[in-house]
Amino acid sequence: MTGKQRRHLRALGHHLHPVVQIGHEGVNDAVVQQADAQLQAHELIKVRIGENSPQERHDAAEMLAGRTQAHLAQILGRTALLYRARKSDPQIVLPK
C-alpha cells in the first residue's frame, strides 16, 4: 500500500468510531471473528486497543491485521485503522 493510499484511508477513517475492542484477552478468535465481520460490512474500521491488552498496541494491531488479511492504515494512540476491500462490490476506491 502506498503512502498516498494510506493518507486517503486515514482521511476516510477520521470520523469513524471504533467498532471492535481488544481487551484483557488480547487478539483472540472472538476478536478476529468480529473484526472480520466488520471488515466485510464496512471495509474500513477502527479498532480500540485497551490498556489491559496483553500485547503492545503495535503488536496487537499487526496481529489482528495479519489474521484478518487486512491492511494496517494507521495506529494513532490506542486506536488502529484497518482496511480490507470487499471481494464483491467494493465501496472504497483507492487512488493509484
PDB file of N, CA and C in Angstrom:
ATOM      1  N   MET A   1       0.846  -1.170   0.000  1.00  0.00           N
ATOM      2  CA  MET A   1       0.000   0.000   0.000  1.00  0.00           C
ATOM      3  C   MET A   1       0.896   1.239   0.000  1.00  0.00           C
ATOM      4  N   THR A   2       0.577   2.179  -0.872  1.00  0.00           N
ATOM      5  CA  THR A   2       1.402   3.375  -0.997  1.00  0.00           C
ATOM      6  C   THR A   2       1.025   4.399   0.072  1.00  0.00           C
ATOM      7  N   GLY A   3       1.885   5.386   0.243  1.00  0.00           N
ATOM      8  CA  GLY A   3       1.630   6.454   1.202  1.00  0.00           C
ATOM      9  C   GLY A   3       0.391   7.255   0.843  1.00  0.00           C
ATOM     10  N   LYS A   4       0.179   7.466  -0.449  1.00  0.00           N
ATOM     11  CA  LYS A   4      -0.999   8.214  -0.903  1.00  0.00           C
ATOM     12  C   LYS A   4      -2.280   7.453  -0.564  1.00  0.00           C
ATOM     13  N   GLN A   5      -2.257   6.145  -0.736  1.00  0.00           N
ATOM     14  CA  GLN A   5      -3.417   5.326  -0.408  1.00  0.00           C
ATOM     15  C   GLN A   5      -3.672   5.328   1.104  1.00  0.00           C
ATOM     16  N   ARG A   6      -2.602   5.263   1.889  1.00  0.00           N
ATOM     17  CA  ARG A   6      -2.720   5.307   3.346  1.00  0.00           C
ATOM     18  C   ARG A   6      -3.332   6.641   3.803  1.00  0.00           C
ATOM     19  N   ARG A   7      -2.874   7.747   3.209  1.00  0.00           N
ATOM     20  CA  ARG A   7      -3.423   9.072   3.546  1.00  0.00           C
ATOM     21  C   ARG A   7      -4.910   9.151   3.204  1.00  0.00           C
ATOM     22  N   HIS A   8      -5.280   8.574   2.071  1.00  0.00           N
ATOM     23  CA  HIS A   8      -6.685   8.559   1.659  1.00  0.00           C
ATOM     24  C   HIS A   8      -7.530   7.800   2.686  1.00  0.00           C
ATOM     25  N   LEU A   9      -7.053   6.643   3.129  1.00  0.00           N
ATOM     26  CA  LEU A   9      -7.780   5.847   4.120  1.00  0.00           C
ATOM     27  C   LEU A   9      -7.853   6.566   5.467  1.00  0.00           C
ATOM     28  N   ARG A  10      -6.765   7.226   5.860  1.00  0.00           N
ATOM     29  CA  ARG A  10      -6.779   7.980   7.123  1.00  0.00           C
ATOM     30  C   ARG A  10      -7.810   9.098   7.075  1.00  0.00           C
ATOM     31  N   ALA A  11      -7.924   9.765   5.918  1.00  0.00           N
ATOM     32  CA  ALA A  11      -8.913  10.835   5.769  1.00  0.00           C
ATOM     33  C   ALA A  11     -10.333  10.263   5.867  1.00  0.00           C
ATOM     34  N   LEU A  12     -10.568   9.117   5.237  1.00  0.00           N
ATOM     35  CA  LEU A  12     -11.895   8.498   5.299  1.00  0.00           C
ATOM     36  C   LEU A  12     -12.219   7.997   6.707  1.00  0.00           C
ATOM     37  N   GLY A  13     -11.213   7.540   7.422  1.00  0.00           N
ATOM     38  CA  GLY A  13     -11.430   6.966   8.742  1.00  0.00           C
ATOM     39  C   GLY A  13     -11.453   7.958   9.876  1.00  0.00           C
ATOM     40  N   HIS A  14     -11.181   9.209   9.590  1.00  0.00           N
ATOM     41  CA  HIS A  14     -11.083  10.222  10.640  1.00  0.00           C
ATOM     42  C   HIS A  14     -12.342  10.297  11.503  1.00  0.00           C
ATOM     43  N   HIS A  15     -13.512  10.241  10.883  1.00  0.00           N
ATOM     44  CA  HIS A  15     -14.769  10.429  11.622  1.00  0.00           C
ATOM     45  C   HIS A  15     -15.387   9.128  12.113  1.00  0.00           C
ATOM     46  N   LEU A  16     -14.723   8.000  11.862  1.00  0.00           N
ATOM     47  CA  LEU A  16     -15.268   6.716  12.305  1.00  0.00           C
ATOM     48  C   LEU A  16     -15.085   6.527  13.812  1.00  0.00           C
ATOM     49  N   HIS A  17     -15.938   5.721  14.385  1.00  0.00           N
ATOM     50  CA  HIS A  17     -15.814   5.333  15.788  1.00  0.00           C
ATOM     51  C   HIS A  17     -15.343   3.882  15.838  1.00  0.00           C
ATOM     52  N   PRO A  18     -14.611   3.505  16.876  1.00  0.00           N
ATOM     53  CA  PRO A  18     -14.152   2.111  16.980  1.00  0.00           C
ATOM     54  C   PRO A  18     -15.337   1.142  17.053  1.00  0.00           C
ATOM     55  N   VAL A  19     -15.266   0.069  16.257  1.00  0.00           N
ATOM     56  CA  VAL A  19     -16.330  -0.931  16.245  1.00  0.00           C
ATOM     57  C   VAL A  19     -15.872  -2.253  16.847  1.00  0.00           C
ATOM     58  N   VAL A  20     -14.570  -2.390  17.086  1.00  0.00           N
ATOM     59  CA  VAL A  20     -14.007  -3.593  17.692  1.00  0.00           C
ATOM     60  C   VAL A  20     -13.073  -3.142  18.808  1.00  0.00           C
ATOM     61  N   GLN A  21     -13.117  -3.869  19.933  1.00  0.00           N
ATOM     62  CA  GLN A  21     -12.212  -3.558  21.035  1.00  0.00           C
ATOM     63  C   GLN A  21     -11.386  -4.783  21.391  1.00  0.00           C
ATOM     64  N   ILE A  22     -10.106  -4.558  21.631  1.00  0.00           N
ATOM     65  CA  ILE A  22      -9.212  -5.609  22.106  1.00  0.00           C
ATOM     66  C   ILE A  22      -9.037  -5.382  23.599  1.00  0.00           C
ATOM     67  N   GLY A  23      -9.444  -6.357  24.378  1.00  0.00           N
ATOM     68  CA  GLY A  23      -9.423  -6.208  25.828  1.00  0.00           C
ATOM     69  C   GLY A  23      -8.338  -7.033  26.491  1.00  0.00           C
ATOM     70  N   HIS A  24      -8.615  -7.485  27.710  1.00  0.00           N
ATOM     71  CA  HIS A  24      -7.608  -8.175  28.525  1.00  0.00           C
ATOM     72  C   HIS A  24      -7.232  -9.555  27.986  1.00  0.00           C
ATOM     73  N   GLU A  25      -8.038 -10.113  27.069  1.00  0.00           N
ATOM     74  CA  GLU A  25      -7.692 -11.405  26.481  1.00  0.00           C
ATOM     75  C   GLU A  25      -6.840 -11.253  25.230  1.00  0.00           C
ATOM     76  N   GLY A  26      -6.643 -10.045  24.767  1.00  0.00           N
ATOM     77  CA  GLY A  26      -5.804  -9.799  23.598  1.00  0.00           C
ATOM     78  C   GLY A  26      -6.517 -10.157  22.300  1.00  0.00           C
ATOM     79  N   VAL A  27      -5.713 -10.448  21.280  1.00  0.00           N
ATOM     80  CA  VAL A  27      -6.258 -10.795  19.969  1.00  0.00           C
ATOM     81  C   VAL A  27      -6.596 -12.288  19.987  1.00  0.00           C
ATOM     82  N   ASN A  28      -7.845 -12.593  20.341  1.00  0.00           N
ATOM     83  CA  ASN A  28      -8.275 -13.989  20.374  1.00  0.00           C
ATOM     84  C   ASN A  28      -9.205 -14.258  19.189  1.00  0.00           C
ATOM     85  N   ASP A  29      -9.708 -15.485  19.102  1.00  0.00           N
ATOM     86  CA  ASP A  29     -10.544 -15.870  17.967  1.00  0.00           C
ATOM     87  C   ASP A  29     -11.829 -15.043  17.876  1.00  0.00           C
ATOM     88  N   ALA A  30     -12.415 -14.697  19.017  1.00  0.00           N
ATOM     89  CA  ALA A  30     -13.648 -13.909  19.011  1.00  0.00           C
ATOM     90  C   ALA A  30     -13.407 -12.508  18.442  1.00  0.00           C
ATOM     91  N   VAL A  31     -12.302 -11.895  18.814  1.00  0.00           N
ATOM     92  CA  VAL A  31     -11.964 -10.552  18.303  1.00  0.00           C
ATOM     93  C   VAL A  31     -11.698 -10.626  16.798  1.00  0.00           C
ATOM     94  N   VAL A  32     -10.982 -11.655  16.372  1.00  0.00           N
ATOM     95  CA  VAL A  32     -10.685 -11.820  14.945  1.00  0.00           C
ATOM     96  C   VAL A  32     -11.974 -12.025  14.160  1.00  0.00           C
ATOM     97  N   GLN A  33     -12.870 -12.834  14.685  1.00  0.00           N
ATOM     98  CA  GLN A  33     -14.145 -13.098  14.020  1.00  0.00           C
ATOM     99  C   GLN A  33     -14.983 -11.822  13.916  1.00  0.00           C
ATOM    100  N   GLN A  34     -15.024 -11.039  14.979  1.00  0.00           N
ATOM    101  CA  GLN A  34     -15.785  -9.789  14.969  1.00  0.00           C
ATOM    102  C   GLN A  34     -15.172  -8.788  13.996  1.00  0.00           C
ATOM    103  N   ALA A  35     -13.856  -8.653  14.008  1.00  0.00           N
ATOM    104  CA  ALA A  35     -13.182  -7.730  13.091  1.00  0.00           C
ATOM    105  C   ALA A  35     -13.399  -8.158  11.640  1.00  0.00           C
ATOM    106  N   ASP A  36     -13.370  -9.461  11.389  1.00  0.00           N
ATOM    107  CA  ASP A  36     -13.588  -9.984  10.046  1.00  0.00           C
ATOM    108  C   ASP A  36     -14.994  -9.622   9.550  1.00  0.00           C
ATOM    109  N   ALA A  37     -15.985  -9.785  10.420  1.00  0.00           N
ATOM    110  CA  ALA A  37     -17.359  -9.448  10.050  1.00  0.00           C
ATOM    111  C   ALA A  37     -17.515  -7.948   9.795  1.00  0.00           C
ATOM    112  N   GLN A  38     -16.888  -7.129  10.626  1.00  0.00           N
ATOM    113  CA  GLN A  38     -16.975  -5.675  10.449  1.00  0.00           C
ATOM    114  C   GLN A  38     -16.260  -5.223   9.178  1.00  0.00           C
ATOM    115  N   LEU A  39     -15.116  -5.842   8.869  1.00  0.00           N
ATOM    116  CA  LEU A  39     -14.399  -5.506   7.641  1.00  0.00           C
ATOM    117  C   LEU A  39     -15.222  -5.890   6.413  1.00  0.00           C
ATOM    118  N   GLN A  40     -15.915  -7.012   6.487  1.00  0.00           N
ATOM    119  CA  GLN A  40     -16.760  -7.424   5.375  1.00  0.00           C
ATOM    120  C   GLN A  40     -17.906  -6.429   5.177  1.00  0.00           C
ATOM    121  N   ALA A  41     -18.433  -5.916   6.271  1.00  0.00           N
ATOM    122  CA  ALA A  41     -19.559  -4.976   6.189  1.00  0.00           C
ATOM    123  C   ALA A  41     -19.124  -3.567   5.798  1.00  0.00           C
ATOM    124  N   HIS A  42     -17.979  -3.108   6.331  1.00  0.00           N
ATOM    125  CA  HIS A  42     -17.617  -1.694   6.185  1.00  0.00           C
ATOM    126  C   HIS A  42     -16.338  -1.422   5.397  1.00  0.00           C
ATOM    127  N   GLU A  43     -15.482  -2.388   5.215  1.00  0.00           N
ATOM    128  CA  GLU A  43     -14.185  -2.270   4.539  1.00  0.00           C
ATOM    129  C   GLU A  43     -13.137  -1.502   5.348  1.00  0.00           C
ATOM    130  N   LEU A  44     -13.529  -0.449   6.035  1.00  0.00           N
ATOM    131  CA  LEU A  44     -12.607   0.378   6.808  1.00  0.00           C
ATOM    132  C   LEU A  44     -13.142   0.486   8.231  1.00  0.00           C
ATOM    133  N   ILE A  45     -12.361   0.025   9.213  1.00  0.00           N
ATOM    134  CA  ILE A  45     -12.832   0.036  10.596  1.00  0.00           C
ATOM    135  C   ILE A  45     -11.750   0.566  11.531  1.00  0.00           C
ATOM    136  N   LYS A  46     -12.213   1.089  12.656  1.00  0.00           N
ATOM    137  CA  LYS A  46     -11.309   1.471  13.734  1.00  0.00           C
ATOM    138  C   LYS A  46     -11.390   0.415  14.818  1.00  0.00           C
ATOM    139  N   VAL A  47     -10.222   0.091  15.382  1.00  0.00           N
ATOM    140  CA  VAL A  47     -10.130  -0.894  16.447  1.00  0.00           C
ATOM    141  C   VAL A  47      -9.501  -0.217  17.654  1.00  0.00           C
ATOM    142  N   ARG A  48     -10.144  -0.342  18.800  1.00  0.00           N
ATOM    143  CA  ARG A  48      -9.628   0.227  20.043  1.00  0.00           C
ATOM    144  C   ARG A  48      -8.847  -0.851  20.790  1.00  0.00           C
ATOM    145  N   ILE A  49      -7.619  -0.536  21.145  1.00  0.00           N
ATOM    146  CA  ILE A  49      -6.763  -1.465  21.885  1.00  0.00           C
ATOM    147  C   ILE A  49      -6.727  -1.002  23.333  1.00  0.00           C
ATOM    148  N   GLY A  50      -7.318  -1.779  24.208  1.00  0.00           N
ATOM    149  CA  GLY A  50      -7.414  -1.408  25.607  1.00  0.00           C
ATOM    150  C   GLY A  50      -6.062  -1.416  26.305  1.00  0.00           C
ATOM    151  N   GLU A  51      -5.965  -0.652  27.382  1.00  0.00           N
ATOM    152  CA  GLU A  51      -4.720  -0.576  28.145  1.00  0.00           C
ATOM    153  C   GLU A  51      -4.388  -1.896  28.822  1.00  0.00           C
ATOM    154  N   ASN A  52      -5.407  -2.736  29.062  1.00  0.00           N
ATOM    155  CA  ASN A  52      -5.159  -4.009  29.727  1.00  0.00           C
ATOM    156  C   ASN A  52      -4.892  -5.147  28.744  1.00  0.00           C
ATOM    157  N   SER A  53      -4.686  -4.826  27.473  1.00  0.00           N
ATOM    158  CA  SER A  53      -4.354  -5.842  26.473  1.00  0.00           C
ATOM    159  C   SER A  53      -2.972  -6.421  26.770  1.00  0.00           C
ATOM    160  N   PRO A  54      -2.812  -7.755  26.684  1.00  0.00           N
ATOM    161  CA  PRO A  54      -1.514  -8.358  26.972  1.00  0.00           C
ATOM    162  C   PRO A  54      -0.446  -8.024  25.920  1.00  0.00           C
ATOM    163  N   GLN A  55      -0.867  -7.688  24.696  1.00  0.00           N
ATOM    164  CA  GLN A  55       0.086  -7.310  23.652  1.00  0.00           C
ATOM    165  C   GLN A  55       0.265  -5.788  23.634  1.00  0.00           C
ATOM    166  N   GLU A  56       1.430  -5.365  23.175  1.00  0.00           N
ATOM    167  CA  GLU A  56       1.631  -3.940  22.925  1.00  0.00           C
ATOM    168  C   GLU A  56       0.698  -3.511  21.805  1.00  0.00           C
ATOM    169  N   ARG A  57       0.365  -2.222  21.746  1.00  0.00           N
ATOM    170  CA  ARG A  57      -0.622  -1.753  20.767  1.00  0.00           C
ATOM    171  C   ARG A  57      -0.203  -2.022  19.329  1.00  0.00           C
ATOM    172  N   HIS A  58       1.079  -1.834  18.991  1.00  0.00           N
ATOM    173  CA  HIS A  58       1.550  -2.096  17.627  1.00  0.00           C
ATOM    174  C   HIS A  58       1.482  -3.580  17.312  1.00  0.00           C
ATOM    175  N   ASP A  59       1.893  -4.416  18.270  1.00  0.00           N
ATOM    176  CA  ASP A  59       1.863  -5.865  18.068  1.00  0.00           C
ATOM    177  C   ASP A  59       0.433  -6.362  17.897  1.00  0.00           C
ATOM    178  N   ALA A  60      -0.481  -5.868  18.726  1.00  0.00           N
ATOM    179  CA  ALA A  60      -1.880  -6.290  18.653  1.00  0.00           C
ATOM    180  C   ALA A  60      -2.499  -5.876  17.317  1.00  0.00           C
ATOM    181  N   ALA A  61      -2.225  -4.657  16.871  1.00  0.00           N
ATOM    182  CA  ALA A  61      -2.782  -4.169  15.607  1.00  0.00           C
ATOM    183  C   ALA A  61      -2.234  -4.974  14.428  1.00  0.00           C
ATOM    184  N   GLU A  62      -0.946  -5.241  14.426  1.00  0.00           N
ATOM    185  CA  GLU A  62      -0.351  -6.017  13.339  1.00  0.00           C
ATOM    186  C   GLU A  62      -0.852  -7.455  13.351  1.00  0.00           C
ATOM    187  N   MET A  63      -1.031  -8.019  14.541  1.00  0.00           N
ATOM    188  CA  MET A  63      -1.526  -9.382  14.651  1.00  0.00           C
ATOM    189  C   MET A  63      -2.961  -9.480  14.118  1.00  0.00           C
ATOM    190  N   LEU A  64      -3.799  -8.527  14.496  1.00  0.00           N
ATOM    191  CA  LEU A  64      -5.186  -8.532  14.022  1.00  0.00           C
ATOM    192  C   LEU A  64      -5.244  -8.315  12.517  1.00  0.00           C
ATOM    193  N   ALA A  65      -4.438  -7.413  12.004  1.00  0.00           N
ATOM    194  CA  ALA A  65      -4.406  -7.175  10.558  1.00  0.00           C
ATOM    195  C   ALA A  65      -3.963  -8.439   9.814  1.00  0.00           C
ATOM    196  N   GLY A  66      -2.969  -9.117  10.342  1.00  0.00           N
ATOM    197  CA  GLY A  66      -2.491 -10.341   9.712  1.00  0.00           C
ATOM    198  C   GLY A  66      -3.525 -11.449   9.723  1.00  0.00           C
ATOM    199  N   ARG A  67      -4.215 -11.605  10.840  1.00  0.00           N
ATOM    200  CA  ARG A  67      -5.194 -12.690  10.954  1.00  0.00           C
ATOM    201  C   ARG A  67      -6.470 -12.432  10.165  1.00  0.00           C
ATOM    202  N   THR A  68      -6.738 -11.172   9.818  1.00  0.00           N
ATOM    203  CA  THR A  68      -7.926 -10.847   9.017  1.00  0.00           C
ATOM    204  C   THR A  68      -7.565 -10.527   7.564  1.00  0.00           C
ATOM    205  N   GLN A  69      -6.289 -10.650   7.203  1.00  0.00           N
ATOM    206  CA  GLN A  69      -5.785 -10.289   5.868  1.00  0.00           C
ATOM    207  C   GLN A  69      -6.171  -8.866   5.489  1.00  0.00           C
ATOM    208  N   ALA A  70      -6.024  -7.953   6.452  1.00  0.00           N
ATOM    209  CA  ALA A  70      -6.345  -6.542   6.236  1.00  0.00           C
ATOM    210  C   ALA A  70      -5.053  -5.727   6.208  1.00  0.00           C
ATOM    211  N   HIS A  71      -5.156  -4.514   5.694  1.00  0.00           N
ATOM    212  CA  HIS A  71      -4.023  -3.584   5.696  1.00  0.00           C
ATOM    213  C   HIS A  71      -4.137  -2.702   6.931  1.00  0.00           C
ATOM    214  N   LEU A  72      -3.030  -2.487   7.585  1.00  0.00           N
ATOM    215  CA  LEU A  72      -2.987  -1.584   8.731  1.00  0.00           C
ATOM    216  C   LEU A  72      -2.666  -0.194   8.190  1.00  0.00           C
ATOM    217  N   ALA A  73      -3.674   0.676   8.167  1.00  0.00           N
ATOM    218  CA  ALA A  73      -3.513   2.004   7.584  1.00  0.00           C
ATOM    219  C   ALA A  73      -2.909   2.989   8.563  1.00  0.00           C
ATOM    220  N   GLN A  74      -3.194   2.814   9.872  1.00  0.00           N
ATOM    221  CA  GLN A  74      -2.723   3.791  10.848  1.00  0.00           C
ATOM    222  C   GLN A  74      -2.845   3.228  12.254  1.00  0.00           C
ATOM    223  N   ILE A  75      -1.912   3.638  13.105  1.00  0.00           N
ATOM    224  CA  ILE A  75      -2.043   3.438  14.545  1.00  0.00           C
ATOM    225  C   ILE A  75      -1.861   4.810  15.166  1.00  0.00           C
ATOM    226  N   LEU A  76      -2.894   5.262  15.863  1.00  0.00           N
ATOM    227  CA  LEU A  76      -2.848   6.571  16.497  1.00  0.00           C
ATOM    228  C   LEU A  76      -3.268   6.388  17.941  1.00  0.00           C
ATOM    229  N   GLY A  77      -2.330   6.521  18.839  1.00  0.00           N
ATOM    230  CA  GLY A  77      -2.611   6.262  20.245  1.00  0.00           C
ATOM    231  C   GLY A  77      -2.937   4.793  20.429  1.00  0.00           C
ATOM    232  N   ARG A  78      -4.111   4.504  20.959  1.00  0.00           N
ATOM    233  CA  ARG A  78      -4.545   3.124  21.166  1.00  0.00           C
ATOM    234  C   ARG A  78      -5.621   2.722  20.159  1.00  0.00           C
ATOM    235  N   THR A  79      -5.675   3.420  19.037  1.00  0.00           N
ATOM    236  CA  THR A  79      -6.655   3.141  18.001  1.00  0.00           C
ATOM    237  C   THR A  79      -5.943   2.779  16.701  1.00  0.00           C
ATOM    238  N   ALA A  80      -6.380   1.682  16.097  1.00  0.00           N
ATOM    239  CA  ALA A  80      -5.810   1.234  14.821  1.00  0.00           C
ATOM    240  C   ALA A  80      -6.883   1.337  13.743  1.00  0.00           C
ATOM    241  N   LEU A  81      -6.446   1.633  12.526  1.00  0.00           N
ATOM    242  CA  LEU A  81      -7.348   1.739  11.384  1.00  0.00           C
ATOM    243  C   LEU A  81      -7.010   0.603  10.424  1.00  0.00           C
ATOM    244  N   LEU A  82      -7.987  -0.283  10.172  1.00  0.00           N
ATOM    245  CA  LEU A  82      -7.784  -1.441   9.302  1.00  0.00           C
ATOM    246  C   LEU A  82      -8.635  -1.313   8.050  1.00  0.00           C
ATOM    247  N   TYR A  83      -8.073  -1.763   6.921  1.00  0.00           N
ATOM    248  CA  TYR A  83      -8.779  -1.715   5.644  1.00  0.00           C
ATOM    249  C   TYR A  83      -8.647  -3.056   4.931  1.00  0.00           C
ATOM    250  N   ARG A  84      -9.761  -3.528   4.425  1.00  0.00           N
ATOM    251  CA  ARG A  84      -9.758  -4.702   3.551  1.00  0.00           C
ATOM    252  C   ARG A  84     -10.896  -4.536   2.555  1.00  0.00           C
ATOM    253  N   ALA A  85     -10.558  -4.528   1.278  1.00  0.00           N
ATOM    254  CA  ALA A  85     -11.572  -4.367   0.233  1.00  0.00           C
ATOM    255  C   ALA A  85     -12.467  -5.599   0.193  1.00  0.00           C
ATOM    256  N   ARG A  86     -13.739  -5.371  -0.069  1.00  0.00           N
ATOM    257  CA  ARG A  86     -14.669  -6.493  -0.233  1.00  0.00           C
ATOM    258  C   ARG A  86     -14.323  -7.247  -1.502  1.00  0.00           C
ATOM    259  N   LYS A  87     -14.560  -8.542  -1.488  1.00  0.00           N
ATOM    260  CA  LYS A  87     -14.310  -9.351  -2.686  1.00  0.00           C
ATOM    261  C   LYS A  87     -15.314  -9.017  -3.790  1.00  0.00           C
ATOM    262  N   SER A  88     -16.561  -8.739  -3.389  1.00  0.00           N
ATOM    263  CA  SER A  88     -17.575  -8.353  -4.369  1.00  0.00           C
ATOM    264  C   SER A  88     -18.126  -6.971  -4.000  1.00  0.00           C
ATOM    265  N   ASP A  89     -18.213  -6.117  -4.975  1.00  0.00           N
ATOM    266  CA  ASP A  89     -18.765  -4.771  -4.813  1.00  0.00           C
ATOM    267  C   ASP A  89     -18.025  -3.921  -3.774  1.00  0.00           C
ATOM    268  N   PRO A  90     -16.717  -3.680  -3.961  1.00  0.00           N
ATOM    269  CA  PRO A  90     -16.002  -2.796  -3.030  1.00  0.00           C
ATOM    270  C   PRO A  90     -16.504  -1.355  -3.151  1.00  0.00           C
ATOM    271  N   GLN A  91     -16.644  -0.671  -2.002  1.00  0.00           N
ATOM    272  CA  GLN A  91     -17.161   0.692  -1.980  1.00  0.00           C
ATOM    273  C   GLN A  91     -16.048   1.742  -1.980  1.00  0.00           C
ATOM    274  N   ILE A  92     -14.913   1.404  -1.372  1.00  0.00           N
ATOM    275  CA  ILE A  92     -13.811   2.363  -1.270  1.00  0.00           C
ATOM    276  C   ILE A  92     -12.860   2.154  -2.441  1.00  0.00           C
ATOM    277  N   VAL A  93     -12.616   3.223  -3.185  1.00  0.00           N
ATOM    278  CA  VAL A  93     -11.696   3.177  -4.320  1.00  0.00           C
ATOM    279  C   VAL A  93     -10.413   3.889  -3.913  1.00  0.00           C
ATOM    280  N   LEU A  94      -9.312   3.149  -3.933  1.00  0.00           N
ATOM    281  CA  LEU A  94      -8.020   3.733  -3.553  1.00  0.00           C
ATOM    282  C   LEU A  94      -7.401   4.465  -4.722  1.00  0.00           C
ATOM    283  N   PRO A  95      -6.721   5.588  -4.455  1.00  0.00           N
ATOM    284  CA  PRO A  95      -6.017   6.286  -5.544  1.00  0.00           C
ATOM    285  C   PRO A  95      -4.839   5.443  -6.039  1.00  0.00           C
ATOM    286  N   LYS A  96      -4.485   5.617  -7.274  1.00  0.00           N
ATOM    287  CA  LYS A  96      -3.375   4.847  -7.861  1.00  0.00           C
ATOM    288  C   LYS A  96      -2.030   5.366  -7.450  1.00  0.00           C
TER     289      LYS A  96
END
